[in-house]
Amino acid sequence: SPSRYGTVDFSGSARRKNATRETTSTLKTWLYEHRKNPYPTKGEKIMLAIITKMTLTQVSTWFANARRRLKKENKMTWSPKNKQKSCREDKELRFSDLDDL
């Protein structure tokens, strides 16, 4: 029987476009340059969305995923947004650490 969820139209705008290499390199560069506080402001996200031709949601999601993965792999540490800097030495992020994002 036909799927009761209807057919998925792959021709149109519903299809999720994966970030391209040049897109992610823009985001990675921003992340690397702001590794001490990897939280873009709304304005910065809008700017990055325009440059990368992504939606604001996609940009936000990319950063959330990137931060989560880097933290999980212990490649990146940063102090909580509103806390005093911890005594723990910051791990220095290398640009090559961003390769698999």
N, C-alpha and C. Protein backbone atom coordinates (compact mmCIF):
# COMPACT_ATOMS: atom_id res chain seq x y z
N SER A 1 0.84 -1.20 0.00
CA SER A 1 0.00 0.00 0.00
C SER A 1 0.88 1.24 0.00
N PRO A 2 0.39 2.32 -0.59
CA PRO A 2 1.21 3.54 -0.61
C PRO A 2 1.44 4.06 0.81
N SER A 3 2.60 4.67 1.01
CA SER A 3 2.92 5.19 2.33
C SER A 3 1.88 6.21 2.76
N ARG A 4 1.39 6.09 3.98
CA ARG A 4 0.38 7.04 4.42
C ARG A 4 0.98 8.39 4.76
N TYR A 5 2.30 8.48 4.67
CA TYR A 5 2.94 9.78 4.93
C TYR A 5 3.07 10.60 3.66
N GLY A 6 2.55 10.06 2.57
CA GLY A 6 2.62 10.80 1.32
C GLY A 6 3.97 10.58 0.66
N THR A 7 4.12 11.06 -0.54
CA THR A 7 5.37 10.84 -1.25
C THR A 7 6.34 11.96 -0.93
N VAL A 8 7.58 11.63 -0.97
CA VAL A 8 8.61 12.63 -0.73
C VAL A 8 9.04 13.17 -2.08
N ASP A 9 8.98 14.48 -2.21
CA ASP A 9 9.36 15.08 -3.48
C ASP A 9 10.82 15.49 -3.43
N PHE A 10 11.66 14.77 -4.17
CA PHE A 10 13.08 15.07 -4.12
C PHE A 10 13.49 16.17 -5.10
N SER A 11 12.54 16.64 -5.88
CA SER A 11 12.92 17.65 -6.86
C SER A 11 12.93 19.04 -6.24
N GLY A 12 12.14 19.21 -5.21
CA GLY A 12 11.90 20.57 -4.74
C GLY A 12 12.77 21.00 -3.59
N SER A 13 12.26 21.97 -2.83
CA SER A 13 13.04 22.63 -1.80
C SER A 13 13.11 21.81 -0.53
N ALA A 14 12.30 20.75 -0.46
CA ALA A 14 12.27 19.98 0.78
C ALA A 14 13.59 19.24 0.99
N ARG A 15 14.29 19.00 -0.10
CA ARG A 15 15.52 18.21 0.03
C ARG A 15 16.55 18.96 0.86
N ARG A 16 17.16 18.27 1.80
CA ARG A 16 18.16 18.89 2.65
C ARG A 16 19.48 18.96 1.90
N LYS A 17 19.99 20.16 1.75
CA LYS A 17 21.25 20.31 1.04
C LYS A 17 22.39 20.20 2.05
N ASN A 18 23.28 19.28 1.82
CA ASN A 18 24.39 19.14 2.75
C ASN A 18 25.38 20.29 2.57
N ALA A 19 25.99 20.66 3.65
CA ALA A 19 26.98 21.73 3.60
C ALA A 19 28.13 21.31 2.69
N THR A 20 28.56 22.22 1.85
CA THR A 20 29.67 21.92 0.96
C THR A 20 30.98 22.23 1.67
N ARG A 21 32.07 21.82 1.06
CA ARG A 21 33.37 22.04 1.66
C ARG A 21 33.68 23.52 1.87
N GLU A 22 33.34 24.36 0.87
CA GLU A 22 33.64 25.79 1.04
C GLU A 22 32.75 26.41 2.11
N THR A 23 31.53 25.90 2.23
CA THR A 23 30.64 26.35 3.29
C THR A 23 31.26 26.06 4.65
N THR A 24 31.63 24.78 4.86
CA THR A 24 32.13 24.41 6.18
C THR A 24 33.47 25.07 6.45
N SER A 25 34.27 25.33 5.40
CA SER A 25 35.55 25.97 5.69
C SER A 25 35.35 27.38 6.23
N THR A 26 34.31 28.08 5.76
CA THR A 26 33.98 29.39 6.33
C THR A 26 33.63 29.26 7.81
N LEU A 27 32.77 28.27 8.12
CA LEU A 27 32.33 28.07 9.49
C LEU A 27 33.49 27.61 10.37
N LYS A 28 34.33 26.72 9.83
CA LYS A 28 35.48 26.24 10.60
C LYS A 28 36.45 27.36 10.92
N THR A 29 36.66 28.24 9.92
CA THR A 29 37.57 29.36 10.16
C THR A 29 37.04 30.25 11.27
N TRP A 30 35.75 30.52 11.24
CA TRP A 30 35.16 31.35 12.30
C TRP A 30 35.33 30.66 13.66
N LEU A 31 35.04 29.37 13.68
CA LEU A 31 35.13 28.60 14.92
C LEU A 31 36.56 28.63 15.46
N TYR A 32 37.51 28.46 14.55
CA TYR A 32 38.91 28.44 14.97
C TYR A 32 39.33 29.79 15.53
N GLU A 33 38.91 30.86 14.86
CA GLU A 33 39.30 32.20 15.29
C GLU A 33 38.62 32.59 16.60
N HIS A 34 37.51 31.93 16.93
CA HIS A 34 36.77 32.25 18.16
C HIS A 34 36.78 31.08 19.12
N ARG A 35 37.87 30.28 19.07
CA ARG A 35 37.85 29.04 19.85
C ARG A 35 37.77 29.26 21.36
N LYS A 36 38.12 30.46 21.81
CA LYS A 36 38.00 30.73 23.25
C LYS A 36 36.55 30.95 23.66
N ASN A 37 35.71 31.31 22.70
CA ASN A 37 34.29 31.50 22.99
C ASN A 37 33.49 31.19 21.73
N PRO A 38 33.28 29.91 21.45
CA PRO A 38 32.76 29.49 20.14
C PRO A 38 31.25 29.66 19.99
N TYR A 39 30.74 30.79 20.47
CA TYR A 39 29.30 31.03 20.37
C TYR A 39 29.04 32.28 19.54
N PRO A 40 28.73 32.12 18.25
CA PRO A 40 28.46 33.31 17.43
C PRO A 40 27.21 34.03 17.93
N THR A 41 27.23 35.35 17.89
CA THR A 41 26.04 36.13 18.22
C THR A 41 25.04 35.99 17.08
N LYS A 42 23.83 36.47 17.33
CA LYS A 42 22.81 36.42 16.28
C LYS A 42 23.31 37.13 15.02
N GLY A 43 23.93 38.29 15.21
CA GLY A 43 24.44 39.03 14.06
C GLY A 43 25.50 38.26 13.29
N GLU A 44 26.40 37.60 14.04
CA GLU A 44 27.45 36.82 13.39
C GLU A 44 26.84 35.62 12.65
N LYS A 45 25.83 35.01 13.25
CA LYS A 45 25.18 33.88 12.57
C LYS A 45 24.51 34.34 11.28
N ILE A 46 23.87 35.51 11.34
CA ILE A 46 23.21 36.03 10.13
C ILE A 46 24.26 36.27 9.04
N MET A 47 25.37 36.88 9.43
CA MET A 47 26.45 37.14 8.48
C MET A 47 26.97 35.82 7.90
N LEU A 48 27.21 34.83 8.76
CA LEU A 48 27.71 33.54 8.28
C LEU A 48 26.69 32.84 7.39
N ALA A 49 25.40 33.00 7.73
CA ALA A 49 24.35 32.38 6.91
C ALA A 49 24.34 32.99 5.52
N ILE A 50 24.52 34.31 5.44
CA ILE A 50 24.54 34.98 4.13
C ILE A 50 25.75 34.51 3.32
N ILE A 51 26.92 34.48 3.95
CA ILE A 51 28.15 34.06 3.25
C ILE A 51 28.01 32.63 2.75
N THR A 52 27.49 31.75 3.59
CA THR A 52 27.48 30.32 3.25
C THR A 52 26.21 29.91 2.51
N LYS A 53 25.25 30.86 2.35
CA LYS A 53 23.95 30.55 1.74
C LYS A 53 23.21 29.46 2.50
N MET A 54 23.42 29.42 3.81
CA MET A 54 22.69 28.48 4.65
C MET A 54 21.60 29.25 5.38
N THR A 55 20.68 28.53 6.00
CA THR A 55 19.68 29.20 6.83
C THR A 55 20.30 29.45 8.21
N LEU A 56 19.68 30.35 8.95
CA LEU A 56 20.13 30.64 10.30
C LEU A 56 20.10 29.38 11.16
N THR A 57 19.06 28.58 10.96
CA THR A 57 18.94 27.34 11.72
C THR A 57 20.08 26.38 11.40
N GLN A 58 20.42 26.29 10.11
CA GLN A 58 21.51 25.39 9.72
C GLN A 58 22.83 25.83 10.35
N VAL A 59 23.07 27.14 10.35
CA VAL A 59 24.31 27.66 10.93
C VAL A 59 24.34 27.35 12.44
N SER A 60 23.24 27.62 13.11
CA SER A 60 23.16 27.34 14.56
C SER A 60 23.40 25.86 14.84
N THR A 61 22.76 25.02 14.04
CA THR A 61 22.90 23.58 14.24
C THR A 61 24.33 23.13 14.00
N TRP A 62 24.96 23.68 12.95
CA TRP A 62 26.34 23.31 12.66
C TRP A 62 27.24 23.63 13.86
N PHE A 63 27.08 24.82 14.42
CA PHE A 63 27.93 25.20 15.55
C PHE A 63 27.65 24.33 16.77
N ALA A 64 26.38 24.04 17.01
CA ALA A 64 26.04 23.18 18.16
C ALA A 64 26.69 21.81 17.99
N ASN A 65 26.60 21.26 16.79
CA ASN A 65 27.20 19.95 16.52
C ASN A 65 28.72 20.01 16.64
N ALA A 66 29.31 21.06 16.08
CA ALA A 66 30.76 21.19 16.11
C ALA A 66 31.26 21.28 17.55
N ARG A 67 30.61 22.10 18.35
CA ARG A 67 31.03 22.24 19.76
C ARG A 67 30.89 20.92 20.50
N ARG A 68 29.78 20.23 20.24
CA ARG A 68 29.55 18.97 20.94
C ARG A 68 30.62 17.94 20.57
N ARG A 69 30.92 17.86 19.27
CA ARG A 69 31.89 16.86 18.84
C ARG A 69 33.28 17.17 19.34
N LEU A 70 33.66 18.46 19.28
CA LEU A 70 35.00 18.83 19.72
C LEU A 70 35.15 18.60 21.22
N LYS A 71 34.10 18.85 21.97
CA LYS A 71 34.14 18.65 23.40
C LYS A 71 34.26 17.15 23.69
N LYS A 72 33.45 16.38 22.98
CA LYS A 72 33.43 14.93 23.18
C LYS A 72 34.80 14.33 22.87
N GLU A 73 35.42 14.83 21.82
CA GLU A 73 36.73 14.28 21.43
C GLU A 73 37.85 14.96 22.20
N ASN A 74 37.47 15.82 23.15
CA ASN A 74 38.45 16.48 23.99
C ASN A 74 39.42 17.33 23.20
N LYS A 75 38.97 17.86 22.08
CA LYS A 75 39.84 18.68 21.24
C LYS A 75 39.72 20.14 21.61
N MET A 76 38.71 20.47 22.42
CA MET A 76 38.43 21.87 22.64
C MET A 76 37.83 22.04 24.01
N THR A 77 38.34 23.02 24.73
CA THR A 77 37.73 23.35 26.02
C THR A 77 37.54 24.85 26.05
N TRP A 78 36.49 25.28 26.68
CA TRP A 78 36.29 26.72 26.84
C TRP A 78 35.57 26.92 28.16
N SER A 79 35.75 28.08 28.74
CA SER A 79 35.08 28.34 30.00
C SER A 79 33.61 28.60 29.72
N PRO A 80 32.76 28.21 30.64
CA PRO A 80 31.33 28.53 30.49
C PRO A 80 31.16 30.02 30.28
N LYS A 81 30.13 30.37 29.52
CA LYS A 81 29.97 31.76 29.08
C LYS A 81 30.13 32.79 30.20
N ASN A 82 29.51 32.51 31.36
CA ASN A 82 29.50 33.57 32.36
C ASN A 82 30.30 33.23 33.61
N LYS A 83 31.17 32.24 33.51
CA LYS A 83 31.98 31.86 34.66
C LYS A 83 33.37 32.46 34.56
N GLN A 84 34.01 32.62 35.69
CA GLN A 84 35.42 33.05 35.68
C GLN A 84 36.24 31.97 34.99
N LYS A 85 37.36 32.39 34.42
CA LYS A 85 38.21 31.43 33.72
C LYS A 85 38.70 30.38 34.71
N SER A 86 38.59 29.13 34.31
CA SER A 86 39.03 28.07 35.21
C SER A 86 40.55 27.99 35.23
N CYS A 87 41.08 27.38 36.26
CA CYS A 87 42.54 27.25 36.38
C CYS A 87 43.04 26.19 35.39
N ARG A 88 42.12 25.32 34.96
CA ARG A 88 42.54 24.25 34.06
C ARG A 88 43.10 24.86 32.78
N GLU A 89 44.25 24.38 32.37
CA GLU A 89 44.87 24.90 31.15
C GLU A 89 43.97 24.64 29.96
N ASP A 90 43.83 25.64 29.12
CA ASP A 90 43.04 25.45 27.91
C ASP A 90 43.77 24.53 26.97
N LYS A 91 43.04 23.61 26.39
CA LYS A 91 43.62 22.78 25.35
C LYS A 91 43.71 23.65 24.10
N GLU A 92 44.83 23.62 23.43
CA GLU A 92 44.95 24.47 22.24
C GLU A 92 44.42 23.71 21.04
N LEU A 93 43.39 24.28 20.43
CA LEU A 93 42.78 23.65 19.27
C LEU A 93 43.69 23.86 18.06
N ARG A 94 43.92 22.79 17.32
CA ARG A 94 44.66 22.93 16.06
C ARG A 94 43.64 22.96 14.92
N PHE A 95 43.98 23.69 13.89
CA PHE A 95 43.02 23.81 12.79
C PHE A 95 42.73 22.43 12.19
N SER A 96 43.73 21.54 12.21
CA SER A 96 43.53 20.21 11.66
C SER A 96 42.51 19.39 12.48
N ASP A 97 42.29 19.81 13.74
CA ASP A 97 41.30 19.12 14.55
C ASP A 97 39.89 19.29 13.98
N LEU A 98 39.71 20.28 13.12
CA LEU A 98 38.39 20.57 12.58
C LEU A 98 38.13 19.78 11.29
N ASP A 99 39.12 18.99 10.87
CA ASP A 99 39.00 18.32 9.57
C ASP A 99 37.74 17.50 9.43
N ASP A 100 37.34 16.78 10.48
CA ASP A 100 36.22 15.87 10.29
C ASP A 100 34.89 16.50 10.66
N LEU A 101 34.85 17.80 10.78
CA LEU A 101 33.56 18.45 11.06
C LEU A 101 32.79 18.61 9.75
